[in-house]
C-alpha atoms as a PDB file:
ATOM      1  CA  MET A   1      -0.135  -0.040  -0.136  1.00  0.00           C
ATOM      2  CA  ALA A   2       1.277   3.546  -0.782  1.00  0.00           C
ATOM      3  CA  GLU A   3       1.995   5.779   2.020  1.00  0.00           C
ATOM      4  CA  LYS A   4       0.752   9.401   1.822  1.00  0.00           C
ATOM      5  CA  PRO A   5       3.234  12.399   1.899  1.00  0.00           C
ATOM      6  CA  LYS A   6       3.726  13.178   5.449  1.00  0.00           C
ATOM      7  CA  GLY A   7       2.604  16.903   5.020  1.00  0.00           C
ATOM      8  CA  GLN A   8      -0.764  15.928   3.677  1.00  0.00           C
ATOM      9  CA  ASP A   9      -1.344  13.487   6.695  1.00  0.00           C
ATOM     10  CA  VAL A  10      -0.351  16.084   9.212  1.00  0.00           C
ATOM     11  CA  ARG A  11      -2.495  18.990   7.766  1.00  0.00           C
ATOM     12  CA  ALA A  12      -5.750  16.374   7.514  1.00  0.00           C
ATOM     13  CA  ASP A  13      -4.971  15.551  11.114  1.00  0.00           C
ATOM     14  CA  ILE A  14      -4.576  19.306  12.359  1.00  0.00           C
ATOM     15  CA  ARG A  15      -7.397  20.951  10.069  1.00  0.00           C
ATOM     16  CA  LYS A  16     -10.232  19.871  12.504  1.00  0.00           C
ATOM     17  CA  PRO A  17     -13.338  22.144  13.319  1.00  0.00           C
ATOM     18  CA  GLU A  18     -11.476  23.535  16.378  1.00  0.00           C
ATOM     19  CA  VAL A  19      -8.463  24.851  13.965  1.00  0.00           C
ATOM     20  CA  GLU A  20     -10.735  26.120  11.724  1.00  0.00           C
ATOM     21  CA  ASP A  21     -12.327  28.006  14.491  1.00  0.00           C
ATOM     22  CA  LEU A  22      -8.994  29.604  15.528  1.00  0.00           C
ATOM     23  CA  LEU A  23      -8.149  30.503  11.981  1.00  0.00           C
ATOM     24  CA  CYS A  24     -11.232  32.296  11.617  1.00  0.00           C
ATOM     25  CA  VAL A  25     -10.732  34.400  14.692  1.00  0.00           C
ATOM     26  CA  LEU A  26      -7.173  35.183  13.906  1.00  0.00           C
ATOM     27  CA  ALA A  27      -7.990  36.263  10.434  1.00  0.00           C
ATOM     28  CA  GLN A  28     -10.845  38.629  11.868  1.00  0.00           C
ATOM     29  CA  LEU A  29      -8.696  40.010  14.401  1.00  0.00           C
ATOM     30  CA  ASP A  30      -6.956  43.272  13.377  1.00  0.00           C
ATOM     31  CA  ASP A  31      -5.899  44.955  16.446  1.00  0.00           C
ATOM     32  CA  ALA A  32      -2.296  44.182  17.644  1.00  0.00           C
ATOM     33  CA  ASP A  33      -3.423  44.578  21.483  1.00  0.00           C
ATOM     34  CA  THR A  34      -6.401  42.249  20.974  1.00  0.00           C
ATOM     35  CA  ILE A  35      -4.196  39.534  19.245  1.00  0.00           C
ATOM     36  CA  PHE A  36      -1.798  39.802  21.948  1.00  0.00           C
ATOM     37  CA  ALA A  37      -4.325  39.165  24.493  1.00  0.00           C
ATOM     38  CA  LEU A  38      -5.596  36.095  22.519  1.00  0.00           C
ATOM     39  CA  LEU A  39      -2.073  34.835  22.552  1.00  0.00           C
ATOM     40  CA  GLU A  40      -1.601  35.449  26.305  1.00  0.00           C
ATOM     41  CA  ASP A  41      -4.617  33.586  27.039  1.00  0.00           C
ATOM     42  CA  LEU A  42      -3.875  30.553  24.446  1.00  0.00           C
ATOM     43  CA  PHE A  43      -0.092  30.290  25.085  1.00  0.00           C
ATOM     44  CA  THR A  44       2.422  30.281  27.661  1.00  0.00           C
ATOM     45  CA  ILE A  45       4.761  33.343  27.811  1.00  0.00           C
ATOM     46  CA  ARG A  46       7.390  30.663  26.726  1.00  0.00           C
ATOM     47  CA  GLU A  47       5.675  29.640  23.952  1.00  0.00           C
ATOM     48  CA  ILE A  48       4.924  33.125  22.900  1.00  0.00           C
ATOM     49  CA  ARG A  49       8.708  33.944  22.930  1.00  0.00           C
ATOM     50  CA  GLU A  50       9.834  30.702  21.151  1.00  0.00           C
ATOM     51  CA  THR A  51       7.309  31.432  18.576  1.00  0.00           C
ATOM     52  CA  SER A  52       8.380  35.020  18.068  1.00  0.00           C
ATOM     53  CA  GLN A  53      11.928  33.904  18.261  1.00  0.00           C
ATOM     54  CA  ARG A  54      11.221  31.399  15.032  1.00  0.00           C
ATOM     55  CA  LEU A  55       9.935  34.244  13.221  1.00  0.00           C
ATOM     56  CA  ALA A  56      12.895  36.362  14.019  1.00  0.00           C
ATOM     57  CA  VAL A  57      15.174  33.283  12.885  1.00  0.00           C
ATOM     58  CA  ALA A  58      13.197  33.101   9.577  1.00  0.00           C
ATOM     59  CA  ARG A  59      13.820  37.057   9.057  1.00  0.00           C
ATOM     60  CA  LEU A  60      17.569  36.573   9.728  1.00  0.00           C
ATOM     61  CA  LEU A  61      17.851  33.442   7.421  1.00  0.00           C
ATOM     62  CA  ASP A  62      15.878  35.394   4.733  1.00  0.00           C
ATOM     63  CA  GLN A  63      18.467  38.106   5.089  1.00  0.00           C
ATOM     64  CA  GLY A  64      21.558  35.626   4.403  1.00  0.00           C
ATOM     65  CA  LEU A  65      22.850  35.442   8.105  1.00  0.00           C
ATOM     66  CA  SER A  66      24.967  32.442   9.163  1.00  0.00           C
ATOM     67  CA  TYR A  67      23.500  29.960  11.490  1.00  0.00           C
ATOM     68  CA  ALA A  68      26.258  31.159  14.127  1.00  0.00           C
ATOM     69  CA  ALA A  69      25.369  34.994  13.919  1.00  0.00           C
ATOM     70  CA  ILE A  70      21.524  33.921  14.038  1.00  0.00           C
ATOM     71  CA  GLU A  71      22.293  32.089  17.343  1.00  0.00           C
ATOM     72  CA  ALA A  72      24.277  34.740  18.641  1.00  0.00           C
ATOM     73  CA  GLN A  73      21.667  37.491  17.872  1.00  0.00           C
ATOM     74  CA  THR A  74      18.596  35.497  18.990  1.00  0.00           C
ATOM     75  CA  GLY A  75      19.850  32.761  21.430  1.00  0.00           C
ATOM     76  CA  ALA A  76      18.045  30.186  19.253  1.00  0.00           C
ATOM     77  CA  SER A  77      19.462  26.696  19.031  1.00  0.00           C
ATOM     78  CA  ALA A  78      20.900  25.418  15.730  1.00  0.00           C
ATOM     79  CA  THR A  79      18.151  22.580  15.850  1.00  0.00           C
ATOM     80  CA  THR A  80      15.659  25.339  15.821  1.00  0.00           C
ATOM     81  CA  ILE A  81      17.481  27.515  13.168  1.00  0.00           C
ATOM     82  CA  ALA A  82      17.571  24.271  10.927  1.00  0.00           C
ATOM     83  CA  ARG A  83      14.132  23.611  11.484  1.00  0.00           C
ATOM     84  CA  VAL A  84      13.176  27.250  10.341  1.00  0.00           C
ATOM     85  CA  SER A  85      15.256  26.873   7.588  1.00  0.00           C
ATOM     86  CA  LYS A  86      13.712  23.653   6.493  1.00  0.00           C
ATOM     87  CA  CYS A  87      10.472  25.315   6.803  1.00  0.00           C
ATOM     88  CA  LEU A  88      11.612  28.360   4.503  1.00  0.00           C
ATOM     89  CA  THR A  89      12.648  25.876   1.724  1.00  0.00           C
ATOM     90  CA  TYR A  90      10.069  23.194   1.937  1.00  0.00           C
ATOM     91  CA  GLY A  91       7.211  24.541   4.219  1.00  0.00           C
ATOM     92  CA  SER A  92       3.682  25.711   3.447  1.00  0.00           C
ATOM     93  CA  GLY A  93       4.745  29.096   2.765  1.00  0.00           C
ATOM     94  CA  GLY A  94       3.622  30.613   6.015  1.00  0.00           C
ATOM     95  CA  TYR A  95       7.095  32.184   6.847  1.00  0.00           C
ATOM     96  CA  GLU A  96       7.069  33.729   3.375  1.00  0.00           C
ATOM     97  CA  ALA A  97       3.685  35.391   3.962  1.00  0.00           C
ATOM     98  CA  ALA A  98       4.947  36.549   7.403  1.00  0.00           C
ATOM     99  CA  LEU A  99       7.916  38.091   5.981  1.00  0.00           C
ATOM    100  CA  ASP A 100       6.105  39.749   3.045  1.00  0.00           C
ATOM    101  CA  ILE A 101       3.988  41.554   5.781  1.00  0.00           C
ATOM    102  CA  LEU A 102       6.831  42.638   7.890  1.00  0.00           C
ATOM    103  CA  GLU A 103       8.654  43.738   4.924  1.00  0.00           C
ATOM    104  CA  SER A 104       5.872  45.795   3.490  1.00  0.00           C
ATOM    105  CA  GLN A 105       5.631  47.475   7.252  1.00  0.00           C
ATOM    106  CA  GLU A 106       9.132  48.645   7.125  1.00  0.00           C
ATOM    107  CA  SER A 107       8.622  50.226   3.599  1.00  0.00           C
END
């Protein structure tokens, strides 16, 4: 029997009604303070910091910095940097969309 690609299995397993509700809420929020309040309620402070760190790593990887420079600047482990790098190369495009938003805000 042929195996399904892992990415499709994971997506099918994750995109349940509860996740769709979360996506709907996030898509409708347009105020940074309200979004932060939701993040505080949903995640631990550590999870917020780690998630934000991954976005910072993606930004620095996109700028061409080395793993060593990114580790020194963000405190991220080599494993985290490699995981983010893999997502930038083979992921679903979420980091690219986020980076485009950040870039447009800087312009």
